[in-house]
Amino acid sequence: MACIDIDALTQYENDARNGRPDALYNLGLAYSTGQGVSVDYVAAHKWFNLAAMRGSELAKSWRAQISSEMSAGQIAEAQRLAREFMGFFKTAV
């Protein structure tokens, strides 16, 4: 697995605002593995969920894997955050 540096994270964040599934997936990967950021399963689930909704099969698999390590409350929070970010897509398009 390649190491994700701060420059790559910045680019993924910019691309995520444009709804790019690969960027959304890579942000999920960063937060789920702690590459360039602290491990945060809520954030990882959010990004994987958004990538999965945009067709990423890998994101679906990772989302399912980390869900098994999360509480129902954490999953609900991740879903809420994903919905908020989807609202950004609507206003940015």
PDB file of N, CA and C in Angstrom:
ATOM      1  N   MET A   1       0.851  -1.171   0.000  1.00  0.00           N
ATOM      2  CA  MET A   1       0.000   0.000   0.000  1.00  0.00           C
ATOM      3  C   MET A   1       0.898   1.235   0.000  1.00  0.00           C
ATOM      4  N   ALA A   2       0.614   2.156  -0.881  1.00  0.00           N
ATOM      5  CA  ALA A   2       1.404   3.383  -0.978  1.00  0.00           C
ATOM      6  C   ALA A   2       1.112   4.293   0.211  1.00  0.00           C
ATOM      7  N   CYS A   3       2.121   5.056   0.595  1.00  0.00           N
ATOM      8  CA  CYS A   3       1.959   6.016   1.688  1.00  0.00           C
ATOM      9  C   CYS A   3       1.300   7.281   1.139  1.00  0.00           C
ATOM     10  N   ILE A   4       0.334   7.789   1.853  1.00  0.00           N
ATOM     11  CA  ILE A   4      -0.381   8.991   1.438  1.00  0.00           C
ATOM     12  C   ILE A   4       0.213  10.178   2.184  1.00  0.00           C
ATOM     13  N   ASP A   5       0.754  11.146   1.445  1.00  0.00           N
ATOM     14  CA  ASP A   5       1.361  12.305   2.097  1.00  0.00           C
ATOM     15  C   ASP A   5       0.384  13.480   2.116  1.00  0.00           C
ATOM     16  N   ILE A   6       0.796  14.559   2.758  1.00  0.00           N
ATOM     17  CA  ILE A   6      -0.078  15.725   2.936  1.00  0.00           C
ATOM     18  C   ILE A   6      -0.475  16.361   1.605  1.00  0.00           C
ATOM     19  N   ASP A   7       0.444  16.367   0.633  1.00  0.00           N
ATOM     20  CA  ASP A   7       0.108  16.928  -0.681  1.00  0.00           C
ATOM     21  C   ASP A   7      -0.964  16.096  -1.369  1.00  0.00           C
ATOM     22  N   ALA A   8      -0.836  14.772  -1.263  1.00  0.00           N
ATOM     23  CA  ALA A   8      -1.838  13.891  -1.860  1.00  0.00           C
ATOM     24  C   ALA A   8      -3.185  14.080  -1.165  1.00  0.00           C
ATOM     25  N   LEU A   9      -3.177  14.189   0.159  1.00  0.00           N
ATOM     26  CA  LEU A   9      -4.430  14.409   0.889  1.00  0.00           C
ATOM     27  C   LEU A   9      -5.115  15.698   0.453  1.00  0.00           C
ATOM     28  N   THR A  10      -4.338  16.737   0.279  1.00  0.00           N
ATOM     29  CA  THR A  10      -4.897  18.017  -0.168  1.00  0.00           C
ATOM     30  C   THR A  10      -5.542  17.866  -1.542  1.00  0.00           C
ATOM     31  N   GLN A  11      -4.867  17.149  -2.422  1.00  0.00           N
ATOM     32  CA  GLN A  11      -5.422  16.939  -3.762  1.00  0.00           C
ATOM     33  C   GLN A  11      -6.685  16.087  -3.695  1.00  0.00           C
ATOM     34  N   TYR A  12      -6.675  15.030  -2.877  1.00  0.00           N
ATOM     35  CA  TYR A  12      -7.873  14.196  -2.723  1.00  0.00           C
ATOM     36  C   TYR A  12      -9.043  15.010  -2.191  1.00  0.00           C
ATOM     37  N   GLU A  13      -8.778  15.889  -1.232  1.00  0.00           N
ATOM     38  CA  GLU A  13      -9.844  16.730  -0.679  1.00  0.00           C
ATOM     39  C   GLU A  13     -10.423  17.654  -1.745  1.00  0.00           C
ATOM     40  N   ASN A  14      -9.559  18.232  -2.565  1.00  0.00           N
ATOM     41  CA  ASN A  14     -10.043  19.092  -3.649  1.00  0.00           C
ATOM     42  C   ASN A  14     -10.864  18.296  -4.654  1.00  0.00           C
ATOM     43  N   ASP A  15     -10.369  17.123  -5.032  1.00  0.00           N
ATOM     44  CA  ASP A  15     -11.088  16.281  -5.994  1.00  0.00           C
ATOM     45  C   ASP A  15     -12.389  15.733  -5.402  1.00  0.00           C
ATOM     46  N   ALA A  16     -12.404  15.482  -4.096  1.00  0.00           N
ATOM     47  CA  ALA A  16     -13.615  14.983  -3.441  1.00  0.00           C
ATOM     48  C   ALA A  16     -14.742  16.004  -3.536  1.00  0.00           C
ATOM     49  N   ARG A  17     -14.395  17.274  -3.464  1.00  0.00           N
ATOM     50  CA  ARG A  17     -15.417  18.326  -3.581  1.00  0.00           C
ATOM     51  C   ARG A  17     -16.096  18.295  -4.948  1.00  0.00           C
ATOM     52  N   ASN A  18     -15.390  17.719  -5.926  1.00  0.00           N
ATOM     53  CA  ASN A  18     -15.957  17.564  -7.267  1.00  0.00           C
ATOM     54  C   ASN A  18     -16.617  16.201  -7.443  1.00  0.00           C
ATOM     55  N   GLY A  19     -16.682  15.424  -6.368  1.00  0.00           N
ATOM     56  CA  GLY A  19     -17.375  14.147  -6.404  1.00  0.00           C
ATOM     57  C   GLY A  19     -16.618  13.008  -7.065  1.00  0.00           C
ATOM     58  N   ARG A  20     -15.307  13.126  -7.190  1.00  0.00           N
ATOM     59  CA  ARG A  20     -14.525  12.062  -7.835  1.00  0.00           C
ATOM     60  C   ARG A  20     -14.463  10.832  -6.936  1.00  0.00           C
ATOM     61  N   PRO A  21     -14.982   9.689  -7.414  1.00  0.00           N
ATOM     62  CA  PRO A  21     -15.010   8.482  -6.594  1.00  0.00           C
ATOM     63  C   PRO A  21     -13.630   8.036  -6.119  1.00  0.00           C
ATOM     64  N   ASP A  22     -12.619   8.170  -6.959  1.00  0.00           N
ATOM     65  CA  ASP A  22     -11.276   7.737  -6.557  1.00  0.00           C
ATOM     66  C   ASP A  22     -10.744   8.591  -5.409  1.00  0.00           C
ATOM     67  N   ALA A  23     -11.030   9.870  -5.427  1.00  0.00           N
ATOM     68  CA  ALA A  23     -10.586  10.759  -4.346  1.00  0.00           C
ATOM     69  C   ALA A  23     -11.336  10.444  -3.055  1.00  0.00           C
ATOM     70  N   LEU A  24     -12.635  10.219  -3.159  1.00  0.00           N
ATOM     71  CA  LEU A  24     -13.442   9.859  -1.993  1.00  0.00           C
ATOM     72  C   LEU A  24     -12.932   8.561  -1.379  1.00  0.00           C
ATOM     73  N   TYR A  25     -12.644   7.576  -2.235  1.00  0.00           N
ATOM     74  CA  TYR A  25     -12.107   6.290  -1.769  1.00  0.00           C
ATOM     75  C   TYR A  25     -10.751   6.477  -1.095  1.00  0.00           C
ATOM     76  N   ASN A  26      -9.875   7.255  -1.709  1.00  0.00           N
ATOM     77  CA  ASN A  26      -8.539   7.461  -1.143  1.00  0.00           C
ATOM     78  C   ASN A  26      -8.589   8.170   0.203  1.00  0.00           C
ATOM     79  N   LEU A  27      -9.529   9.077   0.389  1.00  0.00           N
ATOM     80  CA  LEU A  27      -9.698   9.706   1.701  1.00  0.00           C
ATOM     81  C   LEU A  27     -10.165   8.675   2.726  1.00  0.00           C
ATOM     82  N   GLY A  28     -11.079   7.802   2.335  1.00  0.00           N
ATOM     83  CA  GLY A  28     -11.504   6.730   3.222  1.00  0.00           C
ATOM     84  C   GLY A  28     -10.346   5.835   3.609  1.00  0.00           C
ATOM     85  N   LEU A  29      -9.518   5.515   2.632  1.00  0.00           N
ATOM     86  CA  LEU A  29      -8.349   4.683   2.890  1.00  0.00           C
ATOM     87  C   LEU A  29      -7.390   5.366   3.855  1.00  0.00           C
ATOM     88  N   ALA A  30      -7.173   6.655   3.657  1.00  0.00           N
ATOM     89  CA  ALA A  30      -6.265   7.399   4.538  1.00  0.00           C
ATOM     90  C   ALA A  30      -6.767   7.356   5.981  1.00  0.00           C
ATOM     91  N   TYR A  31      -8.049   7.647   6.186  1.00  0.00           N
ATOM     92  CA  TYR A  31      -8.593   7.693   7.552  1.00  0.00           C
ATOM     93  C   TYR A  31      -8.731   6.305   8.175  1.00  0.00           C
ATOM     94  N   SER A  32      -8.927   5.289   7.367  1.00  0.00           N
ATOM     95  CA  SER A  32      -9.069   3.941   7.940  1.00  0.00           C
ATOM     96  C   SER A  32      -7.728   3.324   8.304  1.00  0.00           C
ATOM     97  N   THR A  33      -6.656   3.793   7.677  1.00  0.00           N
ATOM     98  CA  THR A  33      -5.332   3.214   7.926  1.00  0.00           C
ATOM     99  C   THR A  33      -4.381   4.167   8.634  1.00  0.00           C
ATOM    100  N   GLY A  34      -4.793   5.430   8.794  1.00  0.00           N
ATOM    101  CA  GLY A  34      -3.939   6.401   9.481  1.00  0.00           C
ATOM    102  C   GLY A  34      -2.782   6.896   8.648  1.00  0.00           C
ATOM    103  N   GLN A  35      -2.965   6.973   7.353  1.00  0.00           N
ATOM    104  CA  GLN A  35      -1.917   7.474   6.469  1.00  0.00           C
ATOM    105  C   GLN A  35      -2.075   8.976   6.270  1.00  0.00           C
ATOM    106  N   GLY A  36      -1.190   9.731   6.876  1.00  0.00           N
ATOM    107  CA  GLY A  36      -1.226  11.182   6.754  1.00  0.00           C
ATOM    108  C   GLY A  36      -2.198  11.864   7.702  1.00  0.00           C
ATOM    109  N   VAL A  37      -3.037  11.080   8.369  1.00  0.00           N
ATOM    110  CA  VAL A  37      -4.032  11.572   9.336  1.00  0.00           C
ATOM    111  C   VAL A  37      -4.149  10.538  10.448  1.00  0.00           C
ATOM    112  N   SER A  38      -4.811  10.916  11.531  1.00  0.00           N
ATOM    113  CA  SER A  38      -5.086   9.944  12.593  1.00  0.00           C
ATOM    114  C   SER A  38      -6.176   8.984  12.127  1.00  0.00           C
ATOM    115  N   VAL A  39      -6.121   7.749  12.583  1.00  0.00           N
ATOM    116  CA  VAL A  39      -7.177   6.789  12.264  1.00  0.00           C
ATOM    117  C   VAL A  39      -8.498   7.321  12.816  1.00  0.00           C
ATOM    118  N   ASP A  40      -9.496   7.352  11.958  1.00  0.00           N
ATOM    119  CA  ASP A  40     -10.819   7.857  12.335  1.00  0.00           C
ATOM    120  C   ASP A  40     -11.847   7.080  11.514  1.00  0.00           C
ATOM    121  N   TYR A  41     -12.433   6.060  12.131  1.00  0.00           N
ATOM    122  CA  TYR A  41     -13.372   5.203  11.399  1.00  0.00           C
ATOM    123  C   TYR A  41     -14.640   5.937  10.983  1.00  0.00           C
ATOM    124  N   VAL A  42     -15.067   6.915  11.751  1.00  0.00           N
ATOM    125  CA  VAL A  42     -16.258   7.686  11.367  1.00  0.00           C
ATOM    126  C   VAL A  42     -15.973   8.438  10.064  1.00  0.00           C
ATOM    127  N   ALA A  43     -14.845   9.125  10.000  1.00  0.00           N
ATOM    128  CA  ALA A  43     -14.475   9.836   8.771  1.00  0.00           C
ATOM    129  C   ALA A  43     -14.249   8.858   7.624  1.00  0.00           C
ATOM    130  N   ALA A  44     -13.587   7.739   7.905  1.00  0.00           N
ATOM    131  CA  ALA A  44     -13.325   6.745   6.862  1.00  0.00           C
ATOM    132  C   ALA A  44     -14.644   6.216   6.296  1.00  0.00           C
ATOM    133  N   HIS A  45     -15.575   5.879   7.172  1.00  0.00           N
ATOM    134  CA  HIS A  45     -16.880   5.365   6.730  1.00  0.00           C
ATOM    135  C   HIS A  45     -17.579   6.405   5.861  1.00  0.00           C
ATOM    136  N   LYS A  46     -17.531   7.649   6.279  1.00  0.00           N
ATOM    137  CA  LYS A  46     -18.142   8.740   5.495  1.00  0.00           C
ATOM    138  C   LYS A  46     -17.589   8.750   4.079  1.00  0.00           C
ATOM    139  N   TRP A  47     -16.256   8.763   3.968  1.00  0.00           N
ATOM    140  CA  TRP A  47     -15.648   8.837   2.634  1.00  0.00           C
ATOM    141  C   TRP A  47     -15.912   7.582   1.820  1.00  0.00           C
ATOM    142  N   PHE A  48     -15.820   6.404   2.454  1.00  0.00           N
ATOM    143  CA  PHE A  48     -16.110   5.157   1.736  1.00  0.00           C
ATOM    144  C   PHE A  48     -17.564   5.124   1.293  1.00  0.00           C
ATOM    145  N   ASN A  49     -18.467   5.611   2.133  1.00  0.00           N
ATOM    146  CA  ASN A  49     -19.884   5.639   1.788  1.00  0.00           C
ATOM    147  C   ASN A  49     -20.122   6.513   0.562  1.00  0.00           C
ATOM    148  N   LEU A  50     -19.515   7.682   0.556  1.00  0.00           N
ATOM    149  CA  LEU A  50     -19.662   8.586  -0.590  1.00  0.00           C
ATOM    150  C   LEU A  50     -19.081   7.970  -1.861  1.00  0.00           C
ATOM    151  N   ALA A  51     -17.919   7.328  -1.750  1.00  0.00           N
ATOM    152  CA  ALA A  51     -17.303   6.674  -2.911  1.00  0.00           C
ATOM    153  C   ALA A  51     -18.168   5.510  -3.395  1.00  0.00           C
ATOM    154  N   ALA A  52     -18.725   4.747  -2.454  1.00  0.00           N
ATOM    155  CA  ALA A  52     -19.589   3.623  -2.813  1.00  0.00           C
ATOM    156  C   ALA A  52     -20.826   4.104  -3.564  1.00  0.00           C
ATOM    157  N   MET A  53     -21.390   5.219  -3.118  1.00  0.00           N
ATOM    158  CA  MET A  53     -22.564   5.773  -3.797  1.00  0.00           C
ATOM    159  C   MET A  53     -22.231   6.244  -5.205  1.00  0.00           C
ATOM    160  N   ARG A  54     -20.956   6.477  -5.458  1.00  0.00           N
ATOM    161  CA  ARG A  54     -20.516   6.893  -6.790  1.00  0.00           C
ATOM    162  C   ARG A  54     -19.937   5.712  -7.578  1.00  0.00           C
ATOM    163  N   GLY A  55     -20.186   4.487  -7.075  1.00  0.00           N
ATOM    164  CA  GLY A  55     -19.873   3.289  -7.844  1.00  0.00           C
ATOM    165  C   GLY A  55     -18.601   2.534  -7.505  1.00  0.00           C
ATOM    166  N   SER A  56     -17.882   2.931  -6.472  1.00  0.00           N
ATOM    167  CA  SER A  56     -16.637   2.245  -6.129  1.00  0.00           C
ATOM    168  C   SER A  56     -16.921   0.948  -5.362  1.00  0.00           C
ATOM    169  N   GLU A  57     -16.625  -0.176  -5.998  1.00  0.00           N
ATOM    170  CA  GLU A  57     -16.808  -1.479  -5.357  1.00  0.00           C
ATOM    171  C   GLU A  57     -15.815  -1.664  -4.220  1.00  0.00           C
ATOM    172  N   LEU A  58     -14.580  -1.185  -4.386  1.00  0.00           N
ATOM    173  CA  LEU A  58     -13.590  -1.278  -3.321  1.00  0.00           C
ATOM    174  C   LEU A  58     -14.062  -0.537  -2.076  1.00  0.00           C
ATOM    175  N   ALA A  59     -14.679   0.624  -2.279  1.00  0.00           N
ATOM    176  CA  ALA A  59     -15.181   1.406  -1.149  1.00  0.00           C
ATOM    177  C   ALA A  59     -16.275   0.637  -0.404  1.00  0.00           C
ATOM    178  N   LYS A  60     -17.119  -0.078  -1.132  1.00  0.00           N
ATOM    179  CA  LYS A  60     -18.172  -0.869  -0.491  1.00  0.00           C
ATOM    180  C   LYS A  60     -17.555  -1.926   0.415  1.00  0.00           C
ATOM    181  N   SER A  61     -16.517  -2.557  -0.067  1.00  0.00           N
ATOM    182  CA  SER A  61     -15.850  -3.602   0.709  1.00  0.00           C
ATOM    183  C   SER A  61     -15.193  -3.036   1.964  1.00  0.00           C
ATOM    184  N   TRP A  62     -14.460  -1.942   1.817  1.00  0.00           N
ATOM    185  CA  TRP A  62     -13.806  -1.310   2.976  1.00  0.00           C
ATOM    186  C   TRP A  62     -14.835  -0.794   3.974  1.00  0.00           C
ATOM    187  N   ARG A  63     -15.920  -0.209   3.464  1.00  0.00           N
ATOM    188  CA  ARG A  63     -16.973   0.303   4.354  1.00  0.00           C
ATOM    189  C   ARG A  63     -17.555  -0.831   5.189  1.00  0.00           C
ATOM    190  N   ALA A  64     -17.802  -1.969   4.565  1.00  0.00           N
ATOM    191  CA  ALA A  64     -18.333  -3.120   5.295  1.00  0.00           C
ATOM    192  C   ALA A  64     -17.332  -3.610   6.334  1.00  0.00           C
ATOM    193  N   GLN A  65     -16.074  -3.621   5.974  1.00  0.00           N
ATOM    194  CA  GLN A  65     -15.042  -4.104   6.894  1.00  0.00           C
ATOM    195  C   GLN A  65     -14.939  -3.224   8.142  1.00  0.00           C
ATOM    196  N   ILE A  66     -14.878  -1.904   7.949  1.00  0.00           N
ATOM    197  CA  ILE A  66     -14.731  -1.043   9.127  1.00  0.00           C
ATOM    198  C   ILE A  66     -16.029  -0.932   9.913  1.00  0.00           C
ATOM    199  N   SER A  67     -17.168  -1.133   9.253  1.00  0.00           N
ATOM    200  CA  SER A  67     -18.453  -1.094   9.963  1.00  0.00           C
ATOM    201  C   SER A  67     -18.508  -2.132  11.061  1.00  0.00           C
ATOM    202  N   SER A  68     -17.844  -3.261  10.835  1.00  0.00           N
ATOM    203  CA  SER A  68     -17.863  -4.329  11.827  1.00  0.00           C
ATOM    204  C   SER A  68     -17.093  -3.948  13.093  1.00  0.00           C
ATOM    205  N   GLU A  69     -16.298  -2.890  13.011  1.00  0.00           N
ATOM    206  CA  GLU A  69     -15.520  -2.425  14.159  1.00  0.00           C
ATOM    207  C   GLU A  69     -16.082  -1.143  14.777  1.00  0.00           C
ATOM    208  N   MET A  70     -17.258  -0.718  14.269  1.00  0.00           N
ATOM    209  CA  MET A  70     -17.866   0.527  14.727  1.00  0.00           C
ATOM    210  C   MET A  70     -19.158   0.250  15.485  1.00  0.00           C
ATOM    211  N   SER A  71     -19.513   1.183  16.382  1.00  0.00           N
ATOM    212  CA  SER A  71     -20.805   1.095  17.066  1.00  0.00           C
ATOM    213  C   SER A  71     -21.904   1.629  16.145  1.00  0.00           C
ATOM    214  N   ALA A  72     -23.133   1.333  16.483  1.00  0.00           N
ATOM    215  CA  ALA A  72     -24.266   1.846  15.704  1.00  0.00           C
ATOM    216  C   ALA A  72     -24.266   3.374  15.708  1.00  0.00           C
ATOM    217  N   GLY A  73     -23.902   3.967  16.827  1.00  0.00           N
ATOM    218  CA  GLY A  73     -23.847   5.430  16.914  1.00  0.00           C
ATOM    219  C   GLY A  73     -22.787   6.027  16.006  1.00  0.00           C
ATOM    220  N   GLN A  74     -21.640   5.365  15.937  1.00  0.00           N
ATOM    221  CA  GLN A  74     -20.578   5.849  15.059  1.00  0.00           C
ATOM    222  C   GLN A  74     -21.002   5.756  13.593  1.00  0.00           C
ATOM    223  N   ILE A  75     -21.654   4.671  13.228  1.00  0.00           N
ATOM    224  CA  ILE A  75     -22.124   4.507  11.849  1.00  0.00           C
ATOM    225  C   ILE A  75     -23.163   5.570  11.522  1.00  0.00           C
ATOM    226  N   ALA A  76     -24.073   5.822  12.442  1.00  0.00           N
ATOM    227  CA  ALA A  76     -25.092   6.854  12.235  1.00  0.00           C
ATOM    228  C   ALA A  76     -24.441   8.222  12.041  1.00  0.00           C
ATOM    229  N   GLU A  77     -23.414   8.528  12.835  1.00  0.00           N
ATOM    230  CA  GLU A  77     -22.703   9.793  12.695  1.00  0.00           C
ATOM    231  C   GLU A  77     -22.015   9.885  11.335  1.00  0.00           C
ATOM    232  N   ALA A  78     -21.391   8.801  10.898  1.00  0.00           N
ATOM    233  CA  ALA A  78     -20.729   8.778   9.597  1.00  0.00           C
ATOM    234  C   ALA A  78     -21.743   9.001   8.471  1.00  0.00           C
ATOM    235  N   GLN A  79     -22.897   8.388   8.591  1.00  0.00           N
ATOM    236  CA  GLN A  79     -23.938   8.563   7.577  1.00  0.00           C
ATOM    237  C   GLN A  79     -24.461   9.989   7.563  1.00  0.00           C
ATOM    238  N   ARG A  80     -24.599  10.584   8.730  1.00  0.00           N
ATOM    239  CA  ARG A  80     -25.041  11.986   8.807  1.00  0.00           C
ATOM    240  C   ARG A  80     -24.026  12.890   8.122  1.00  0.00           C
ATOM    241  N   LEU A  81     -22.744  12.662   8.397  1.00  0.00           N
ATOM    242  CA  LEU A  81     -21.691  13.470   7.784  1.00  0.00           C
ATOM    243  C   LEU A  81     -21.663  13.290   6.275  1.00  0.00           C
ATOM    244  N   ALA A  82     -21.910  12.071   5.807  1.00  0.00           N
ATOM    245  CA  ALA A  82     -21.950  11.822   4.361  1.00  0.00           C
ATOM    246  C   ALA A  82     -23.114  12.581   3.723  1.00  0.00           C
ATOM    247  N   ARG A  83     -24.275  12.568   4.390  1.00  0.00           N
ATOM    248  CA  ARG A  83     -25.429  13.313   3.858  1.00  0.00           C
ATOM    249  C   ARG A  83     -25.126  14.801   3.775  1.00  0.00           C
ATOM    250  N   GLU A  84     -24.457  15.332   4.800  1.00  0.00           N
ATOM    251  CA  GLU A  84     -24.083  16.748   4.778  1.00  0.00           C
ATOM    252  C   GLU A  84     -23.162  17.045   3.599  1.00  0.00           C
ATOM    253  N   PHE A  85     -22.204  16.162   3.362  1.00  0.00           N
ATOM    254  CA  PHE A  85     -21.261  16.382   2.269  1.00  0.00           C
ATOM    255  C   PHE A  85     -21.980  16.264   0.928  1.00  0.00           C
ATOM    256  N   MET A  86     -22.965  15.375   0.819  1.00  0.00           N
ATOM    257  CA  MET A  86     -23.740  15.261  -0.416  1.00  0.00           C
ATOM    258  C   MET A  86     -24.474  16.554  -0.708  1.00  0.00           C
ATOM    259  N   GLY A  87     -24.901  17.251   0.322  1.00  0.00           N
ATOM    260  CA  GLY A  87     -25.537  18.545   0.131  1.00  0.00           C
ATOM    261  C   GLY A  87     -24.583  19.525  -0.525  1.00  0.00           C
ATOM    262  N   PHE A  88     -23.309  19.385  -0.234  1.00  0.00           N
ATOM    263  CA  PHE A  88     -22.309  20.227  -0.871  1.00  0.00           C
ATOM    264  C   PHE A  88     -22.259  19.946  -2.358  1.00  0.00           C
ATOM    265  N   PHE A  89     -22.348  18.663  -2.761  1.00  0.00           N
ATOM    266  CA  PHE A  89     -22.344  18.308  -4.181  1.00  0.00           C
ATOM    267  C   PHE A  89     -23.456  19.045  -4.910  1.00  0.00           C
ATOM    268  N   LYS A  90     -24.624  19.075  -4.296  1.00  0.00           N
ATOM    269  CA  LYS A  90     -25.784  19.692  -4.948  1.00  0.00           C
ATOM    270  C   LYS A  90     -25.583  21.181  -5.162  1.00  0.00           C
ATOM    271  N   THR A  91     -24.948  21.851  -4.194  1.00  0.00           N
ATOM    272  CA  THR A  91     -24.752  23.288  -4.341  1.00  0.00           C
ATOM    273  C   THR A  91     -23.552  23.612  -5.228  1.00  0.00           C
ATOM    274  N   ALA A  92     -22.613  22.664  -5.328  1.00  0.00           N
ATOM    275  CA  ALA A  92     -21.407  22.926  -6.112  1.00  0.00           C
ATOM    276  C   ALA A  92     -21.617  22.615  -7.584  1.00  0.00           C
ATOM    277  N   VAL A  93     -22.639  21.852  -7.910  1.00  0.00           N
ATOM    278  CA  VAL A  93     -22.851  21.455  -9.305  1.00  0.00           C
ATOM    279  C   VAL A  93     -23.680  22.473 -10.034  1.00  0.00           C
TER     280      VAL A  93
END
